Amino acid sequence: MDRVLNPILSDRVISLINGREHHGQLVFTTNNVLFLNLTSLMKEQIYFITKDQSPLRSEIYSLSDFPEIRYTSPGIYELYIKGLLGGTAGEQPNNNAGH
């Protein structure tokens, strides 16, 4: 999504998919932390993948698994960058973050 489209066009595509009555869905992956906001996406639409180095096993989980994250919570990307939400190789979510 962020490799081909500029940020403004990416936001418009997401708004189009979220705002229409349709029977489809858009699934995309990204490494762009700018998508970690709760103005364009709902908590239930944001997923992380954490890879455990030892058994090389991956875990997928939703931002909605963190009950303390509210739609009024600022800086979701900052929590991610600090490692509090997991999602990076070898890191597990911080137990204090609610997961």
PDB file of N, CA and C in Angstrom:
ATOM      1  N   MET A   1       0.811  -1.189   0.000  1.00  0.00           N
ATOM      2  CA  MET A   1       0.000   0.000   0.000  1.00  0.00           C
ATOM      3  C   MET A   1       0.857   1.256   0.000  1.00  0.00           C
ATOM      4  N   ASP A   2       1.882   1.285   0.833  1.00  0.00           N
ATOM      5  CA  ASP A   2       2.700   2.490   0.928  1.00  0.00           C
ATOM      6  C   ASP A   2       3.854   2.494  -0.058  1.00  0.00           C
ATOM      7  N   ARG A   3       4.073   1.400  -0.725  1.00  0.00           N
ATOM      8  CA  ARG A   3       5.186   1.329  -1.667  1.00  0.00           C
ATOM      9  C   ARG A   3       4.811   1.923  -3.022  1.00  0.00           C
ATOM     10  N   VAL A   4       3.544   1.800  -3.386  1.00  0.00           N
ATOM     11  CA  VAL A   4       3.102   2.240  -4.702  1.00  0.00           C
ATOM     12  C   VAL A   4       2.332   3.552  -4.646  1.00  0.00           C
ATOM     13  N   LEU A   5       1.571   3.737  -3.590  1.00  0.00           N
ATOM     14  CA  LEU A   5       0.719   4.923  -3.476  1.00  0.00           C
ATOM     15  C   LEU A   5       1.327   5.943  -2.530  1.00  0.00           C
ATOM     16  N   ASN A   6       1.119   7.215  -2.843  1.00  0.00           N
ATOM     17  CA  ASN A   6       1.577   8.241  -1.904  1.00  0.00           C
ATOM     18  C   ASN A   6       0.624   8.279  -0.713  1.00  0.00           C
ATOM     19  N   PRO A   7       1.023   8.882   0.413  1.00  0.00           N
ATOM     20  CA  PRO A   7       0.209   8.845   1.634  1.00  0.00           C
ATOM     21  C   PRO A   7      -1.200   9.414   1.476  1.00  0.00           C
ATOM     22  N   ILE A   8      -1.359  10.444   0.698  1.00  0.00           N
ATOM     23  CA  ILE A   8      -2.685  11.048   0.508  1.00  0.00           C
ATOM     24  C   ILE A   8      -3.593  10.083  -0.246  1.00  0.00           C
ATOM     25  N   LEU A   9      -3.080   9.485  -1.290  1.00  0.00           N
ATOM     26  CA  LEU A   9      -3.873   8.526  -2.056  1.00  0.00           C
ATOM     27  C   LEU A   9      -4.161   7.272  -1.231  1.00  0.00           C
ATOM     28  N   SER A  10      -3.207   6.832  -0.425  1.00  0.00           N
ATOM     29  CA  SER A  10      -3.432   5.679   0.458  1.00  0.00           C
ATOM     30  C   SER A  10      -4.582   5.952   1.416  1.00  0.00           C
ATOM     31  N   ASP A  11      -4.598   7.148   2.023  1.00  0.00           N
ATOM     32  CA  ASP A  11      -5.691   7.519   2.928  1.00  0.00           C
ATOM     33  C   ASP A  11      -7.031   7.545   2.196  1.00  0.00           C
ATOM     34  N   ARG A  12      -7.032   8.011   0.973  1.00  0.00           N
ATOM     35  CA  ARG A  12      -8.282   8.061   0.205  1.00  0.00           C
ATOM     36  C   ARG A  12      -8.791   6.665  -0.120  1.00  0.00           C
ATOM     37  N   VAL A  13      -7.903   5.746  -0.447  1.00  0.00           N
ATOM     38  CA  VAL A  13      -8.310   4.366  -0.725  1.00  0.00           C
ATOM     39  C   VAL A  13      -8.902   3.736   0.532  1.00  0.00           C
ATOM     40  N   ILE A  14      -8.249   3.932   1.667  1.00  0.00           N
ATOM     41  CA  ILE A  14      -8.760   3.383   2.930  1.00  0.00           C
ATOM     42  C   ILE A  14     -10.119   3.992   3.259  1.00  0.00           C
ATOM     43  N   SER A  15     -10.275   5.294   3.080  1.00  0.00           N
ATOM     44  CA  SER A  15     -11.559   5.944   3.335  1.00  0.00           C
ATOM     45  C   SER A  15     -12.640   5.408   2.411  1.00  0.00           C
ATOM     46  N   LEU A  16     -12.302   5.181   1.169  1.00  0.00           N
ATOM     47  CA  LEU A  16     -13.263   4.636   0.210  1.00  0.00           C
ATOM     48  C   LEU A  16     -13.739   3.253   0.645  1.00  0.00           C
ATOM     49  N   ILE A  17     -12.808   2.392   1.043  1.00  0.00           N
ATOM     50  CA  ILE A  17     -13.165   1.041   1.471  1.00  0.00           C
ATOM     51  C   ILE A  17     -13.974   1.082   2.769  1.00  0.00           C
ATOM     52  N   ASN A  18     -13.561   1.908   3.722  1.00  0.00           N
ATOM     53  CA  ASN A  18     -14.264   2.002   5.003  1.00  0.00           C
ATOM     54  C   ASN A  18     -15.621   2.682   4.887  1.00  0.00           C
ATOM     55  N   GLY A  19     -15.788   3.572   3.921  1.00  0.00           N
ATOM     56  CA  GLY A  19     -16.995   4.378   3.856  1.00  0.00           C
ATOM     57  C   GLY A  19     -18.096   3.857   2.965  1.00  0.00           C
ATOM     58  N   ARG A  20     -17.868   2.800   2.252  1.00  0.00           N
ATOM     59  CA  ARG A  20     -18.864   2.302   1.314  1.00  0.00           C
ATOM     60  C   ARG A  20     -19.551   1.064   1.836  1.00  0.00           C
ATOM     61  N   GLU A  21     -20.805   0.917   1.434  1.00  0.00           N
ATOM     62  CA  GLU A  21     -21.514  -0.334   1.698  1.00  0.00           C
ATOM     63  C   GLU A  21     -21.136  -1.285   0.565  1.00  0.00           C
ATOM     64  N   HIS A  22     -20.335  -2.263   0.890  1.00  0.00           N
ATOM     65  CA  HIS A  22     -19.932  -3.244  -0.112  1.00  0.00           C
ATOM     66  C   HIS A  22     -19.650  -4.561   0.587  1.00  0.00           C
ATOM     67  N   HIS A  23     -19.385  -5.559  -0.182  1.00  0.00           N
ATOM     68  CA  HIS A  23     -19.162  -6.896   0.371  1.00  0.00           C
ATOM     69  C   HIS A  23     -17.718  -7.345   0.198  1.00  0.00           C
ATOM     70  N   GLY A  24     -16.833  -6.426  -0.008  1.00  0.00           N
ATOM     71  CA  GLY A  24     -15.427  -6.765  -0.182  1.00  0.00           C
ATOM     72  C   GLY A  24     -14.593  -6.294   0.994  1.00  0.00           C
ATOM     73  N   GLN A  25     -13.322  -6.542   0.890  1.00  0.00           N
ATOM     74  CA  GLN A  25     -12.395  -6.077   1.908  1.00  0.00           C
ATOM     75  C   GLN A  25     -11.049  -5.821   1.262  1.00  0.00           C
ATOM     76  N   LEU A  26     -10.263  -5.023   1.906  1.00  0.00           N
ATOM     77  CA  LEU A  26      -8.908  -4.726   1.456  1.00  0.00           C
ATOM     78  C   LEU A  26      -7.962  -5.162   2.563  1.00  0.00           C
ATOM     79  N   VAL A  27      -7.077  -6.065   2.240  1.00  0.00           N
ATOM     80  CA  VAL A  27      -6.068  -6.527   3.194  1.00  0.00           C
ATOM     81  C   VAL A  27      -4.723  -6.095   2.647  1.00  0.00           C
ATOM     82  N   PHE A  28      -3.955  -5.371   3.456  1.00  0.00           N
ATOM     83  CA  PHE A  28      -2.626  -4.980   3.009  1.00  0.00           C
ATOM     84  C   PHE A  28      -1.655  -5.034   4.169  1.00  0.00           C
ATOM     85  N   THR A  29      -0.407  -5.196   3.824  1.00  0.00           N
ATOM     86  CA  THR A  29       0.660  -5.181   4.821  1.00  0.00           C
ATOM     87  C   THR A  29       1.495  -3.923   4.591  1.00  0.00           C
ATOM     88  N   THR A  30       2.101  -3.478   5.656  1.00  0.00           N
ATOM     89  CA  THR A  30       2.924  -2.281   5.555  1.00  0.00           C
ATOM     90  C   THR A  30       3.947  -2.262   6.686  1.00  0.00           C
ATOM     91  N   ASN A  31       5.012  -1.569   6.466  1.00  0.00           N
ATOM     92  CA  ASN A  31       5.986  -1.279   7.512  1.00  0.00           C
ATOM     93  C   ASN A  31       5.931   0.193   7.887  1.00  0.00           C
ATOM     94  N   ASN A  32       4.972   0.903   7.335  1.00  0.00           N
ATOM     95  CA  ASN A  32       4.836   2.330   7.557  1.00  0.00           C
ATOM     96  C   ASN A  32       4.039   2.586   8.824  1.00  0.00           C
ATOM     97  N   VAL A  33       4.682   3.131   9.847  1.00  0.00           N
ATOM     98  CA  VAL A  33       4.014   3.383  11.131  1.00  0.00           C
ATOM     99  C   VAL A  33       2.967   4.486  11.039  1.00  0.00           C
ATOM    100  N   LEU A  34       2.946   5.247   9.956  1.00  0.00           N
ATOM    101  CA  LEU A  34       1.932   6.291   9.810  1.00  0.00           C
ATOM    102  C   LEU A  34       0.526   5.704   9.682  1.00  0.00           C
ATOM    103  N   PHE A  35       0.415   4.431   9.317  1.00  0.00           N
ATOM    104  CA  PHE A  35      -0.891   3.789   9.248  1.00  0.00           C
ATOM    105  C   PHE A  35      -1.401   3.418  10.643  1.00  0.00           C
ATOM    106  N   LEU A  36      -0.565   3.532  11.657  1.00  0.00           N
ATOM    107  CA  LEU A  36      -0.972   3.208  13.019  1.00  0.00           C
ATOM    108  C   LEU A  36      -1.672   4.406  13.652  1.00  0.00           C
ATOM    109  N   ASN A  37      -2.843   4.700  13.138  1.00  0.00           N
ATOM    110  CA  ASN A  37      -3.642   5.778  13.702  1.00  0.00           C
ATOM    111  C   ASN A  37      -5.089   5.315  13.759  1.00  0.00           C
ATOM    112  N   LEU A  38      -5.816   5.875  14.682  1.00  0.00           N
ATOM    113  CA  LEU A  38      -7.193   5.459  14.878  1.00  0.00           C
ATOM    114  C   LEU A  38      -8.181   6.459  14.285  1.00  0.00           C
ATOM    115  N   THR A  39      -7.693   7.278  13.363  1.00  0.00           N
ATOM    116  CA  THR A  39      -8.602   8.158  12.634  1.00  0.00           C
ATOM    117  C   THR A  39      -9.017   7.529  11.318  1.00  0.00           C
ATOM    118  N   SER A  40      -8.131   6.750  10.705  1.00  0.00           N
ATOM    119  CA  SER A  40      -8.440   6.089   9.434  1.00  0.00           C
ATOM    120  C   SER A  40      -8.905   4.655   9.623  1.00  0.00           C
ATOM    121  N   LEU A  41      -8.398   4.008  10.654  1.00  0.00           N
ATOM    122  CA  LEU A  41      -8.692   2.596  10.875  1.00  0.00           C
ATOM    123  C   LEU A  41      -9.222   2.371  12.282  1.00  0.00           C
ATOM    124  N   MET A  42      -9.987   1.296  12.442  1.00  0.00           N
ATOM    125  CA  MET A  42     -10.465   0.909  13.771  1.00  0.00           C
ATOM    126  C   MET A  42      -9.443  -0.030  14.401  1.00  0.00           C
ATOM    127  N   LYS A  43      -9.490  -0.145  15.725  1.00  0.00           N
ATOM    128  CA  LYS A  43      -8.555  -1.034  16.430  1.00  0.00           C
ATOM    129  C   LYS A  43      -8.653  -2.455  15.891  1.00  0.00           C
ATOM    130  N   GLU A  44      -9.846  -2.883  15.559  1.00  0.00           N
ATOM    131  CA  GLU A  44     -10.070  -4.244  15.064  1.00  0.00           C
ATOM    132  C   GLU A  44      -9.532  -4.458  13.651  1.00  0.00           C
ATOM    133  N   GLN A  45      -9.122  -3.407  12.993  1.00  0.00           N
ATOM    134  CA  GLN A  45      -8.577  -3.503  11.641  1.00  0.00           C
ATOM    135  C   GLN A  45      -7.049  -3.494  11.613  1.00  0.00           C
ATOM    136  N   ILE A  46      -6.410  -3.268  12.738  1.00  0.00           N
ATOM    137  CA  ILE A  46      -4.948  -3.203  12.786  1.00  0.00           C
ATOM    138  C   ILE A  46      -4.425  -4.459  13.477  1.00  0.00           C
ATOM    139  N   TYR A  47      -3.556  -5.177  12.791  1.00  0.00           N
ATOM    140  CA  TYR A  47      -2.968  -6.409  13.311  1.00  0.00           C
ATOM    141  C   TYR A  47      -1.455  -6.304  13.305  1.00  0.00           C
ATOM    142  N   PHE A  48      -0.846  -6.993  14.233  1.00  0.00           N
ATOM    143  CA  PHE A  48       0.611  -7.067  14.327  1.00  0.00           C
ATOM    144  C   PHE A  48       1.026  -8.526  14.213  1.00  0.00           C
ATOM    145  N   ILE A  49       2.226  -8.737  13.745  1.00  0.00           N
ATOM    146  CA  ILE A  49       2.812 -10.076  13.725  1.00  0.00           C
ATOM    147  C   ILE A  49       4.131  -9.997  14.470  1.00  0.00           C
ATOM    148  N   THR A  50       4.285 -10.843  15.469  1.00  0.00           N
ATOM    149  CA  THR A  50       5.526 -10.936  16.230  1.00  0.00           C
ATOM    150  C   THR A  50       6.129 -12.303  15.979  1.00  0.00           C
ATOM    151  N   LYS A  51       7.401 -12.327  15.687  1.00  0.00           N
ATOM    152  CA  LYS A  51       8.094 -13.584  15.410  1.00  0.00           C
ATOM    153  C   LYS A  51       9.012 -13.928  16.569  1.00  0.00           C
ATOM    154  N   ASP A  52       8.825 -15.106  17.121  1.00  0.00           N
ATOM    155  CA  ASP A  52       9.665 -15.592  18.202  1.00  0.00           C
ATOM    156  C   ASP A  52      10.921 -16.204  17.583  1.00  0.00           C
ATOM    157  N   GLN A  53      12.082 -15.766  17.987  1.00  0.00           N
ATOM    158  CA  GLN A  53      13.337 -16.218  17.377  1.00  0.00           C
ATOM    159  C   GLN A  53      13.670 -17.672  17.680  1.00  0.00           C
ATOM    160  N   SER A  54      13.322 -18.138  18.873  1.00  0.00           N
ATOM    161  CA  SER A  54      13.735 -19.475  19.272  1.00  0.00           C
ATOM    162  C   SER A  54      13.056 -20.588  18.465  1.00  0.00           C
ATOM    163  N   PRO A  55      11.720 -20.722  18.521  1.00  0.00           N
ATOM    164  CA  PRO A  55      11.119 -21.773  17.710  1.00  0.00           C
ATOM    165  C   PRO A  55      10.736 -21.280  16.312  1.00  0.00           C
ATOM    166  N   LEU A  56      11.078 -20.028  15.975  1.00  0.00           N
ATOM    167  CA  LEU A  56      10.719 -19.419  14.692  1.00  0.00           C
ATOM    168  C   LEU A  56       9.215 -19.531  14.444  1.00  0.00           C
ATOM    169  N   ARG A  57       8.451 -19.141  15.435  1.00  0.00           N
ATOM    170  CA  ARG A  57       6.997 -19.180  15.357  1.00  0.00           C
ATOM    171  C   ARG A  57       6.478 -17.750  15.351  1.00  0.00           C
ATOM    172  N   SER A  58       5.469 -17.493  14.544  1.00  0.00           N
ATOM    173  CA  SER A  58       4.875 -16.166  14.473  1.00  0.00           C
ATOM    174  C   SER A  58       3.521 -16.146  15.162  1.00  0.00           C
ATOM    175  N   GLU A  59       3.212 -15.004  15.746  1.00  0.00           N
ATOM    176  CA  GLU A  59       1.925 -14.791  16.397  1.00  0.00           C
ATOM    177  C   GLU A  59       1.289 -13.546  15.787  1.00  0.00           C
ATOM    178  N   ILE A  60       0.016 -13.650  15.452  1.00  0.00           N
ATOM    179  CA  ILE A  60      -0.721 -12.503  14.935  1.00  0.00           C
ATOM    180  C   ILE A  60      -1.764 -12.097  15.975  1.00  0.00           C
ATOM    181  N   TYR A  61      -1.888 -10.807  16.198  1.00  0.00           N
ATOM    182  CA  TYR A  61      -2.845 -10.310  17.178  1.00  0.00           C
ATOM    183  C   TYR A  61      -3.278  -8.912  16.770  1.00  0.00           C
ATOM    184  N   SER A  62      -4.408  -8.510  17.303  1.00  0.00           N
ATOM    185  CA  SER A  62      -5.030  -7.247  16.936  1.00  0.00           C
ATOM    186  C   SER A  62      -4.722  -6.149  17.954  1.00  0.00           C
ATOM    187  N   LEU A  63      -4.774  -4.925  17.502  1.00  0.00           N
ATOM    188  CA  LEU A  63      -4.657  -3.795  18.408  1.00  0.00           C
ATOM    189  C   LEU A  63      -5.809  -3.808  19.409  1.00  0.00           C
ATOM    190  N   SER A  64      -6.929  -4.402  19.036  1.00  0.00           N
ATOM    191  CA  SER A  64      -8.072  -4.464  19.956  1.00  0.00           C
ATOM    192  C   SER A  64      -7.805  -5.402  21.134  1.00  0.00           C
ATOM    193  N   ASP A  65      -6.722  -6.191  21.084  1.00  0.00           N
ATOM    194  CA  ASP A  65      -6.329  -7.034  22.214  1.00  0.00           C
ATOM    195  C   ASP A  65      -5.749  -6.218  23.365  1.00  0.00           C
ATOM    196  N   PHE A  66      -5.521  -4.953  23.147  1.00  0.00           N
ATOM    197  CA  PHE A  66      -4.994  -4.054  24.171  1.00  0.00           C
ATOM    198  C   PHE A  66      -6.149  -3.188  24.684  1.00  0.00           C
ATOM    199  N   PRO A  67      -6.814  -3.605  25.761  1.00  0.00           N
ATOM    200  CA  PRO A  67      -8.013  -2.891  26.218  1.00  0.00           C
ATOM    201  C   PRO A  67      -7.754  -1.445  26.665  1.00  0.00           C
ATOM    202  N   GLU A  68      -6.539  -1.130  27.042  1.00  0.00           N
ATOM    203  CA  GLU A  68      -6.267   0.238  27.481  1.00  0.00           C
ATOM    204  C   GLU A  68      -6.111   1.207  26.310  1.00  0.00           C
ATOM    205  N   ILE A  69      -5.998   0.699  25.089  1.00  0.00           N
ATOM    206  CA  ILE A  69      -5.919   1.566  23.916  1.00  0.00           C
ATOM    207  C   ILE A  69      -7.341   1.996  23.568  1.00  0.00           C
ATOM    208  N   ARG A  70      -7.569   3.286  23.619  1.00  0.00           N
ATOM    209  CA  ARG A  70      -8.881   3.866  23.308  1.00  0.00           C
ATOM    210  C   ARG A  70      -8.762   4.659  22.012  1.00  0.00           C
ATOM    211  N   TYR A  71      -9.904   4.955  21.437  1.00  0.00           N
ATOM    212  CA  TYR A  71      -9.885   5.759  20.212  1.00  0.00           C
ATOM    213  C   TYR A  71      -9.384   7.173  20.475  1.00  0.00           C
ATOM    214  N   THR A  72      -9.370   7.569  21.718  1.00  0.00           N
ATOM    215  CA  THR A  72      -8.840   8.881  22.080  1.00  0.00           C
ATOM    216  C   THR A  72      -7.357   8.817  22.440  1.00  0.00           C
ATOM    217  N   SER A  73      -6.780   7.605  22.431  1.00  0.00           N
ATOM    218  CA  SER A  73      -5.360   7.454  22.772  1.00  0.00           C
ATOM    219  C   SER A  73      -4.495   8.060  21.674  1.00  0.00           C
ATOM    220  N   PRO A  74      -3.632   8.995  22.026  1.00  0.00           N
ATOM    221  CA  PRO A  74      -2.741   9.578  21.015  1.00  0.00           C
ATOM    222  C   PRO A  74      -1.505   8.706  20.805  1.00  0.00           C
ATOM    223  N   GLY A  75      -0.916   8.829  19.645  1.00  0.00           N
ATOM    224  CA  GLY A  75       0.398   8.244  19.401  1.00  0.00           C
ATOM    225  C   GLY A  75       0.498   6.726  19.439  1.00  0.00           C
ATOM    226  N   ILE A  76      -0.398   6.032  18.735  1.00  0.00           N
ATOM    227  CA  ILE A  76      -0.315   4.574  18.668  1.00  0.00           C
ATOM    228  C   ILE A  76       1.035   4.165  18.075  1.00  0.00           C
ATOM    229  N   TYR A  77       1.494   4.910  17.076  1.00  0.00           N
ATOM    230  CA  TYR A  77       2.783   4.584  16.463  1.00  0.00           C
ATOM    231  C   TYR A  77       3.931   4.737  17.455  1.00  0.00           C
ATOM    232  N   GLU A  78       3.808   5.674  18.395  1.00  0.00           N
ATOM    233  CA  GLU A  78       4.856   5.846  19.407  1.00  0.00           C
ATOM    234  C   GLU A  78       4.946   4.626  20.327  1.00  0.00           C
ATOM    235  N   LEU A  79       3.784   4.077  20.699  1.00  0.00           N
ATOM    236  CA  LEU A  79       3.768   2.857  21.515  1.00  0.00           C
ATOM    237  C   LEU A  79       4.414   1.707  20.759  1.00  0.00           C
ATOM    238  N   TYR A  80       4.143   1.644  19.457  1.00  0.00           N
ATOM    239  CA  TYR A  80       4.731   0.595  18.618  1.00  0.00           C
ATOM    240  C   TYR A  80       6.257   0.763  18.545  1.00  0.00           C
ATOM    241  N   ILE A  81       6.712   1.963  18.285  1.00  0.00           N
ATOM    242  CA  ILE A  81       8.147   2.228  18.163  1.00  0.00           C
ATOM    243  C   ILE A  81       8.875   1.886  19.466  1.00  0.00           C
ATOM    244  N   LYS A  82       8.234   2.141  20.610  1.00  0.00           N
ATOM    245  CA  LYS A  82       8.832   1.835  21.903  1.00  0.00           C
ATOM    246  C   LYS A  82       8.802   0.339  22.217  1.00  0.00           C
ATOM    247  N   GLY A  83       8.156  -0.462  21.378  1.00  0.00           N
ATOM    248  CA  GLY A  83       8.094  -1.901  21.595  1.00  0.00           C
ATOM    249  C   GLY A  83       6.967  -2.329  22.525  1.00  0.00           C
ATOM    250  N   LEU A  84       6.085  -1.424  22.897  1.00  0.00           N
ATOM    251  CA  LEU A  84       5.013  -1.749  23.829  1.00  0.00           C
ATOM    252  C   LEU A  84       3.878  -2.552  23.190  1.00  0.00           C
ATOM    253  N   LEU A  85       3.855  -2.599  21.865  1.00  0.00           N
ATOM    254  CA  LEU A  85       2.824  -3.357  21.168  1.00  0.00           C
ATOM    255  C   LEU A  85       3.377  -4.587  20.468  1.00  0.00           C
ATOM    256  N   GLY A  86       4.679  -4.845  20.613  1.00  0.00           N
ATOM    257  CA  GLY A  86       5.300  -5.974  19.916  1.00  0.00           C
ATOM    258  C   GLY A  86       5.354  -5.687  18.428  1.00  0.00           C
ATOM    259  N   GLY A  87       5.300  -6.740  17.628  1.00  0.00           N
ATOM    260  CA  GLY A  87       5.254  -6.564  16.188  1.00  0.00           C
ATOM    261  C   GLY A  87       6.605  -6.492  15.500  1.00  0.00           C
ATOM    262  N   THR A  88       7.697  -6.592  16.258  1.00  0.00           N
ATOM    263  CA  THR A  88       9.014  -6.606  15.635  1.00  0.00           C
ATOM    264  C   THR A  88       9.691  -7.935  15.942  1.00  0.00           C
ATOM    265  N   ALA A  89      10.608  -8.338  15.110  1.00  0.00           N
ATOM    266  CA  ALA A  89      11.257  -9.646  15.260  1.00  0.00           C
ATOM    267  C   ALA A  89      11.889  -9.788  16.638  1.00  0.00           C
ATOM    268  N   GLY A  90      11.565 -10.881  17.303  1.00  0.00           N
ATOM    269  CA  GLY A  90      12.169 -11.170  18.590  1.00  0.00           C
ATOM    270  C   GLY A  90      11.556 -10.455  19.767  1.00  0.00           C
ATOM    271  N   GLU A  91      10.587  -9.581  19.543  1.00  0.00           N
ATOM    272  CA  GLU A  91       9.965  -8.848  20.633  1.00  0.00           C
ATOM    273  C   GLU A  91       8.552  -9.339  20.864  1.00  0.00           C
ATOM    274  N   GLN A  92       8.226  -9.539  22.105  1.00  0.00           N
ATOM    275  CA  GLN A  92       6.864  -9.870  22.486  1.00  0.00           C
ATOM    276  C   GLN A  92       6.226  -8.611  23.045  1.00  0.00           C
ATOM    277  N   PRO A  93       4.907  -8.494  22.939  1.00  0.00           N
ATOM    278  CA  PRO A  93       4.255  -7.305  23.512  1.00  0.00           C
ATOM    279  C   PRO A  93       4.548  -7.218  24.999  1.00  0.00           C
ATOM    280  N   ASN A  94       4.667  -6.012  25.483  1.00  0.00           N
ATOM    281  CA  ASN A  94       4.899  -5.770  26.893  1.00  0.00           C
ATOM    282  C   ASN A  94       3.665  -6.191  27.676  1.00  0.00           C
ATOM    283  N   ASN A  95       3.836  -7.043  28.685  1.00  0.00           N
ATOM    284  CA  ASN A  95       2.707  -7.516  29.477  1.00  0.00           C
ATOM    285  C   ASN A  95       1.966  -6.375  30.146  1.00  0.00           C
ATOM    286  N   ASN A  96       2.636  -5.280  30.390  1.00  0.00           N
ATOM    287  CA  ASN A  96       1.979  -4.136  31.015  1.00  0.00           C
ATOM    288  C   ASN A  96       1.089  -3.394  30.039  1.00  0.00           C
ATOM    289  N   ALA A  97       1.217  -3.717  28.745  1.00  0.00           N
ATOM    290  CA  ALA A  97       0.405  -3.047  27.745  1.00  0.00           C
ATOM    291  C   ALA A  97      -0.950  -3.708  27.572  1.00  0.00           C
ATOM    292  N   GLY A  98      -1.215  -4.777  28.313  1.00  0.00           N
ATOM    293  CA  GLY A  98      -2.535  -5.359  28.292  1.00  0.00           C
ATOM    294  C   GLY A  98      -2.688  -6.587  27.439  1.00  0.00           C
ATOM    295  N   HIS A  99      -1.638  -7.076  26.857  1.00  0.00           N
ATOM    296  CA  HIS A  99      -1.733  -8.258  25.998  1.00  0.00           C
ATOM    297  C   HIS A  99      -1.209  -9.484  26.698  1.00  0.00           C
TER     298      HIS A  99
END
